Amino acid sequence: MNQKVIVISFSGIYDLEPFAHDRHFKHLDFSDIPGTDCYCDVAAQREITRRLQYLGPEGFHFIDSGNYHYITKFWTDKIKRPFRLILFDHHTDMQAPQIPGLLTCGSWVREMLLHNHYLKEVVILGTPTGAERKVPPRLGRRVIFDDEDLIHRHVPVHPADEGRFPVYVSIDKDVLSRRDAVTNWDQGTVSLDELGVLLRYILDHEDVIGMDICGEYDLGHSLVEERIAAKEDNAANETILKVSFHPLNDLFRRDTI
């Protein structure tokens, strides 16, 4: 792996976030690929697969707003051994797409559970209480929920398979409260400090293959609104990077970028 941090830009929002301007990061511009906003059509899937073909799932990947969270599926499709997905998200992303077979930002976890035979378990942290009741039983058997109320009470579930399989971690900043990030979706109530504690625990106790993060603000609003949102999101991304590049984690050693 030549780069530890990869920044994928669909919307151009990272132009407003100073953290992303690090010259050591690898930048990929996907803004020229049509058929990608909220859903990913067949032609776009082929093109994204082509552009990512020489990159592995390892390292830390920024993947723009939650509209593009399905990119996690492209990274995890590269993992060819049993693994677990640990997902920080205010939503389950297990909706059935309106068009069968269409990959969307709200269906990608469902698609992984149905078709990725290496995926053994999904742990979702930060959903609203009762989100598990909306998941079909055939999918729910392989999903563990740690809702935001449990996180606030510091009593996260410890799944039976903890430590048994390596993990891939995906973070959607819509899991965070409005005080700590600004996204283009409805947001949860988890604080950045709570996220950091959980992430620190995962990195210290699990074999982490790679990570990604989405949840940037949408462009297309007033310039003032965009800059305020970008400032908050930039601070959140910097904090998450600092946690991830803790010197005890060889995979994410900052001096190996």
Protein backbone atom coordinates (compact mmCIF):
# COMPACT_ATOMS: atom_id res chain seq x y z
CA MET A 1 0.00 0.00 0.00
CA ASN A 2 1.56 3.27 -1.14
CA GLN A 3 -0.78 5.62 0.70
CA LYS A 4 -2.46 5.35 4.09
CA VAL A 5 -5.04 8.10 3.52
CA ILE A 6 -7.17 8.32 0.38
CA VAL A 7 -9.59 11.17 -0.28
CA ILE A 8 -12.32 10.49 -2.85
CA SER A 9 -14.14 13.58 -4.05
CA PHE A 10 -17.50 13.39 -5.77
CA SER A 11 -18.86 16.83 -4.88
CA GLY A 12 -15.82 19.06 -4.33
CA ILE A 13 -16.61 19.62 -0.64
CA TYR A 14 -13.07 18.72 0.43
CA ASP A 15 -11.84 21.89 -1.29
CA LEU A 16 -13.35 23.71 1.71
CA GLU A 17 -11.77 21.43 4.34
CA PRO A 18 -8.09 22.17 5.08
CA PHE A 19 -7.35 18.74 6.57
CA ALA A 20 -7.76 17.18 3.11
CA HIS A 21 -5.03 19.33 1.58
CA ASP A 22 -2.23 17.25 3.09
CA ARG A 23 0.16 16.55 0.22
CA HIS A 24 0.81 13.05 1.57
CA PHE A 25 -2.80 12.01 0.99
CA LYS A 26 -3.82 10.31 -2.23
CA HIS A 27 -6.62 12.25 -3.94
CA LEU A 28 -9.10 10.67 -6.36
CA ASP A 29 -11.50 12.87 -8.31
CA PHE A 30 -14.72 10.99 -9.11
CA SER A 31 -16.74 14.12 -9.87
CA ASP A 32 -16.77 13.27 -13.58
CA ILE A 33 -18.60 9.96 -13.08
CA PRO A 34 -22.36 10.31 -13.78
CA GLY A 35 -24.98 8.23 -12.01
CA THR A 36 -23.43 8.37 -8.55
CA ASP A 37 -25.43 10.80 -6.36
CA CYS A 38 -27.39 8.74 -3.77
CA TYR A 39 -27.49 5.79 -6.15
CA CYS A 40 -24.82 4.11 -8.24
CA ASP A 41 -25.94 2.85 -11.62
CA VAL A 42 -24.35 -0.07 -13.44
CA ALA A 43 -22.07 2.07 -15.61
CA ALA A 44 -20.87 4.02 -12.57
CA GLN A 45 -20.19 0.79 -10.68
CA ARG A 46 -18.01 -0.45 -13.51
CA GLU A 47 -16.07 2.83 -13.68
CA ILE A 48 -15.53 3.06 -9.92
CA THR A 49 -14.38 -0.55 -9.84
CA ARG A 50 -11.93 0.21 -12.64
CA ARG A 51 -10.49 3.25 -10.86
CA LEU A 52 -10.09 1.41 -7.56
CA GLN A 53 -8.76 -1.81 -9.03
CA TYR A 54 -5.16 -1.32 -7.88
CA LEU A 55 -6.02 -0.10 -4.38
CA GLY A 56 -6.59 -2.39 -1.43
CA PRO A 57 -9.05 -1.97 1.45
CA GLU A 58 -6.30 -1.07 3.90
CA GLY A 59 -5.80 2.42 5.29
CA PHE A 60 -8.16 5.32 5.86
CA HIS A 61 -10.60 6.45 3.15
CA PHE A 62 -12.62 9.66 3.02
CA ILE A 63 -15.58 9.14 0.70
CA ASP A 64 -17.48 12.50 0.63
CA SER A 65 -21.08 12.93 1.83
CA GLY A 66 -23.45 10.20 2.99
CA ASN A 67 -24.86 10.18 -0.53
CA TYR A 68 -21.84 8.06 -1.46
CA HIS A 69 -21.67 5.75 1.53
CA TYR A 70 -22.12 2.81 -0.83
CA ILE A 71 -18.41 3.21 -1.64
CA THR A 72 -17.78 1.14 1.50
CA LYS A 73 -19.08 -1.84 -0.46
CA PHE A 74 -16.39 -1.32 -3.11
CA TRP A 75 -13.65 -1.34 -0.46
CA THR A 76 -15.02 -4.36 1.40
CA ASP A 77 -15.56 -6.33 -1.80
CA LYS A 78 -11.76 -6.42 -1.97
CA ILE A 79 -11.51 -8.34 1.33
CA LYS A 80 -11.12 -12.03 0.49
CA ARG A 81 -11.21 -13.51 3.97
CA PRO A 82 -13.90 -13.66 6.67
CA PHE A 83 -14.43 -10.26 8.30
CA ARG A 84 -16.86 -8.14 10.30
CA LEU A 85 -18.17 -4.68 9.44
CA ILE A 86 -18.37 -2.19 12.30
CA LEU A 87 -20.58 0.67 11.19
CA PHE A 88 -21.14 3.99 12.96
CA ASP A 89 -24.35 5.32 11.44
CA HIS A 90 -27.64 6.95 12.38
CA HIS A 91 -29.32 4.76 9.73
CA THR A 92 -29.21 1.03 9.03
CA ASP A 93 -28.61 1.44 5.26
CA MET A 94 -30.53 -1.82 4.78
CA GLN A 95 -33.47 -0.56 2.76
CA ALA A 96 -34.58 -2.49 -0.30
CA PRO A 97 -33.89 -0.32 -3.38
CA GLN A 98 -36.89 0.85 -5.38
CA ILE A 99 -35.28 -0.64 -8.48
CA PRO A 100 -34.13 -4.23 -7.79
CA GLY A 101 -30.36 -4.59 -8.03
CA LEU A 102 -29.68 -0.85 -7.87
CA LEU A 103 -26.94 0.06 -5.38
CA THR A 104 -27.84 3.07 -3.23
CA CYS A 105 -26.60 4.91 -0.18
CA GLY A 106 -29.52 3.40 1.73
CA SER A 107 -29.19 -0.20 0.55
CA TRP A 108 -25.49 -1.02 0.46
CA VAL A 109 -25.38 -2.85 3.83
CA ARG A 110 -28.31 -4.99 2.68
CA GLU A 111 -26.46 -5.80 -0.53
CA MET A 112 -23.36 -6.81 1.43
CA LEU A 113 -25.34 -9.08 3.75
CA LEU A 114 -27.06 -10.74 0.79
CA HIS A 115 -24.07 -11.18 -1.50
CA ASN A 116 -20.74 -10.90 0.34
CA HIS A 117 -20.02 -14.39 1.66
CA TYR A 118 -16.92 -13.21 3.52
CA LEU A 119 -19.01 -10.85 5.68
CA LYS A 120 -19.79 -12.69 8.91
CA GLU A 121 -21.41 -9.98 10.99
CA VAL A 122 -22.39 -6.30 10.95
CA VAL A 123 -22.26 -4.24 14.16
CA ILE A 124 -24.11 -0.94 13.86
CA LEU A 125 -23.46 1.70 16.49
CA GLY A 126 -25.48 4.88 17.02
CA THR A 127 -28.86 4.11 15.49
CA PRO A 128 -32.06 5.34 17.17
CA THR A 129 -33.68 3.00 19.68
CA GLY A 130 -35.82 0.41 17.90
CA ALA A 131 -34.05 0.59 14.53
CA GLU A 132 -33.50 -3.17 14.68
CA ARG A 133 -37.25 -3.77 14.44
CA LYS A 134 -37.24 -2.45 10.86
CA VAL A 135 -34.68 -5.02 9.69
CA PRO A 136 -35.97 -8.22 8.03
CA PRO A 137 -35.26 -11.28 10.24
CA ARG A 138 -33.19 -13.01 7.57
CA LEU A 139 -30.77 -10.07 7.66
CA GLY A 140 -31.10 -9.25 11.33
CA ARG A 141 -29.63 -12.57 12.41
CA ARG A 142 -26.21 -11.31 11.35
CA VAL A 143 -26.60 -7.77 12.66
CA ILE A 144 -25.94 -6.45 16.18
CA PHE A 145 -27.20 -3.01 17.20
CA ASP A 146 -25.65 -0.70 19.75
CA ASP A 147 -28.14 2.17 19.75
CA GLU A 148 -27.34 5.73 20.77
CA ASP A 149 -28.97 5.34 24.19
CA LEU A 150 -26.63 2.47 25.04
CA ILE A 151 -23.67 4.54 23.88
CA HIS A 152 -24.71 7.44 26.13
CA ARG A 153 -24.94 5.03 29.07
CA HIS A 154 -21.52 3.55 28.21
CA VAL A 155 -22.87 0.01 28.01
CA PRO A 156 -22.04 -1.06 24.44
CA VAL A 157 -22.81 -4.61 23.39
CA HIS A 158 -19.80 -6.89 23.04
CA PRO A 159 -20.68 -9.34 20.26
CA ALA A 160 -19.75 -12.99 20.50
CA ASP A 161 -17.45 -12.75 17.50
CA GLU A 162 -15.40 -9.87 18.90
CA GLY A 163 -11.76 -10.52 18.04
CA ARG A 164 -12.56 -13.68 16.07
CA PHE A 165 -12.49 -12.01 12.66
CA PRO A 166 -10.69 -8.88 11.42
CA VAL A 167 -12.89 -5.83 10.99
CA TYR A 168 -13.50 -3.03 8.55
CA VAL A 169 -14.76 0.17 10.17
CA SER A 170 -17.09 2.64 8.42
CA ILE A 171 -18.14 5.96 9.96
CA ASP A 172 -20.99 8.16 8.77
CA LYS A 173 -20.81 11.46 10.62
CA ASP A 174 -24.61 11.61 10.69
CA VAL A 175 -24.22 9.45 13.80
CA LEU A 176 -22.92 12.59 15.52
CA SER A 177 -24.98 15.33 17.09
CA ARG A 178 -25.38 18.64 15.31
CA ARG A 179 -22.90 20.15 17.80
CA ASP A 180 -20.06 18.06 16.36
CA ALA A 181 -20.75 17.76 12.63
CA VAL A 182 -23.04 19.03 9.88
CA THR A 183 -24.32 16.51 7.34
CA ASN A 184 -26.98 16.43 4.66
CA TRP A 185 -29.08 13.82 6.49
CA ASP A 186 -30.93 13.76 9.79
CA GLN A 187 -28.44 13.24 12.59
CA GLY A 188 -28.10 11.31 15.81
CA THR A 189 -27.03 12.32 19.28
CA VAL A 190 -23.62 10.67 19.73
CA SER A 191 -20.90 13.12 20.73
CA LEU A 192 -17.50 13.29 19.06
CA ASP A 193 -15.94 12.32 22.39
CA GLU A 194 -18.13 9.21 22.61
CA LEU A 195 -17.24 8.27 19.06
CA GLY A 196 -13.56 8.73 19.84
CA VAL A 197 -13.73 6.47 22.90
CA LEU A 198 -15.44 3.70 20.92
CA LEU A 199 -13.08 4.06 18.00
CA ARG A 200 -10.09 3.98 20.33
CA TYR A 201 -11.42 0.74 21.88
CA ILE A 202 -11.90 -0.87 18.47
CA LEU A 203 -8.44 0.08 17.27
CA ASP A 204 -6.86 -1.22 20.47
CA HIS A 205 -8.74 -4.53 20.58
CA GLU A 206 -9.50 -5.50 17.00
CA ASP A 207 -7.50 -6.42 13.91
CA VAL A 208 -8.59 -3.48 11.74
CA ILE A 209 -8.21 -4.01 8.00
CA GLY A 210 -9.19 -0.48 7.00
CA MET A 211 -11.57 2.39 7.66
CA ASP A 212 -13.65 4.93 5.81
CA ILE A 213 -15.60 8.03 6.73
CA CYS A 214 -18.39 9.95 5.02
CA GLY A 215 -20.95 12.53 6.09
CA GLU A 216 -19.65 15.73 4.57
CA TYR A 217 -22.06 18.59 3.92
CA ASP A 218 -23.65 19.07 0.52
CA LEU A 219 -22.56 21.88 -1.74
CA GLY A 220 -25.28 23.91 -3.42
CA HIS A 221 -26.28 26.02 -0.41
CA SER A 222 -25.19 29.55 0.39
CA LEU A 223 -21.44 30.08 0.54
CA VAL A 224 -21.66 31.18 4.17
CA GLU A 225 -23.62 28.07 5.12
CA GLU A 226 -21.20 25.82 3.25
CA ARG A 227 -18.15 27.35 4.92
CA ILE A 228 -19.64 27.09 8.41
CA ALA A 229 -20.55 23.45 7.84
CA ALA A 230 -17.17 22.67 6.28
CA LYS A 231 -15.38 24.19 9.28
CA GLU A 232 -17.26 21.90 11.69
CA ASP A 233 -16.79 18.83 9.52
CA ASN A 234 -13.11 19.62 9.07
CA ALA A 235 -12.67 19.71 12.86
CA ALA A 236 -14.50 16.38 13.25
CA ASN A 237 -12.40 14.75 10.53
CA GLU A 238 -9.19 16.01 12.11
CA THR A 239 -10.24 14.62 15.49
CA ILE A 240 -11.09 11.23 14.04
CA LEU A 241 -7.77 11.13 12.20
CA LYS A 242 -5.89 11.91 15.41
CA VAL A 243 -7.62 9.04 17.17
CA SER A 244 -6.96 6.69 14.25
CA PHE A 245 -3.30 7.58 13.92
CA HIS A 246 -2.53 6.87 17.56
CA PRO A 247 1.12 5.73 17.76
CA LEU A 248 0.11 2.35 19.22
CA ASN A 249 -1.66 1.40 15.99
CA ASP A 250 0.87 0.15 13.47
CA LEU A 251 -1.69 0.06 10.66
CA PHE A 252 -2.47 3.74 11.07
CA ARG A 253 0.94 5.10 12.09
CA ARG A 254 0.95 8.75 11.00
CA ASP A 255 4.63 8.60 10.08
CA THR A 256 3.99 5.80 7.57
CA ILE A 257 1.57 7.74 5.38
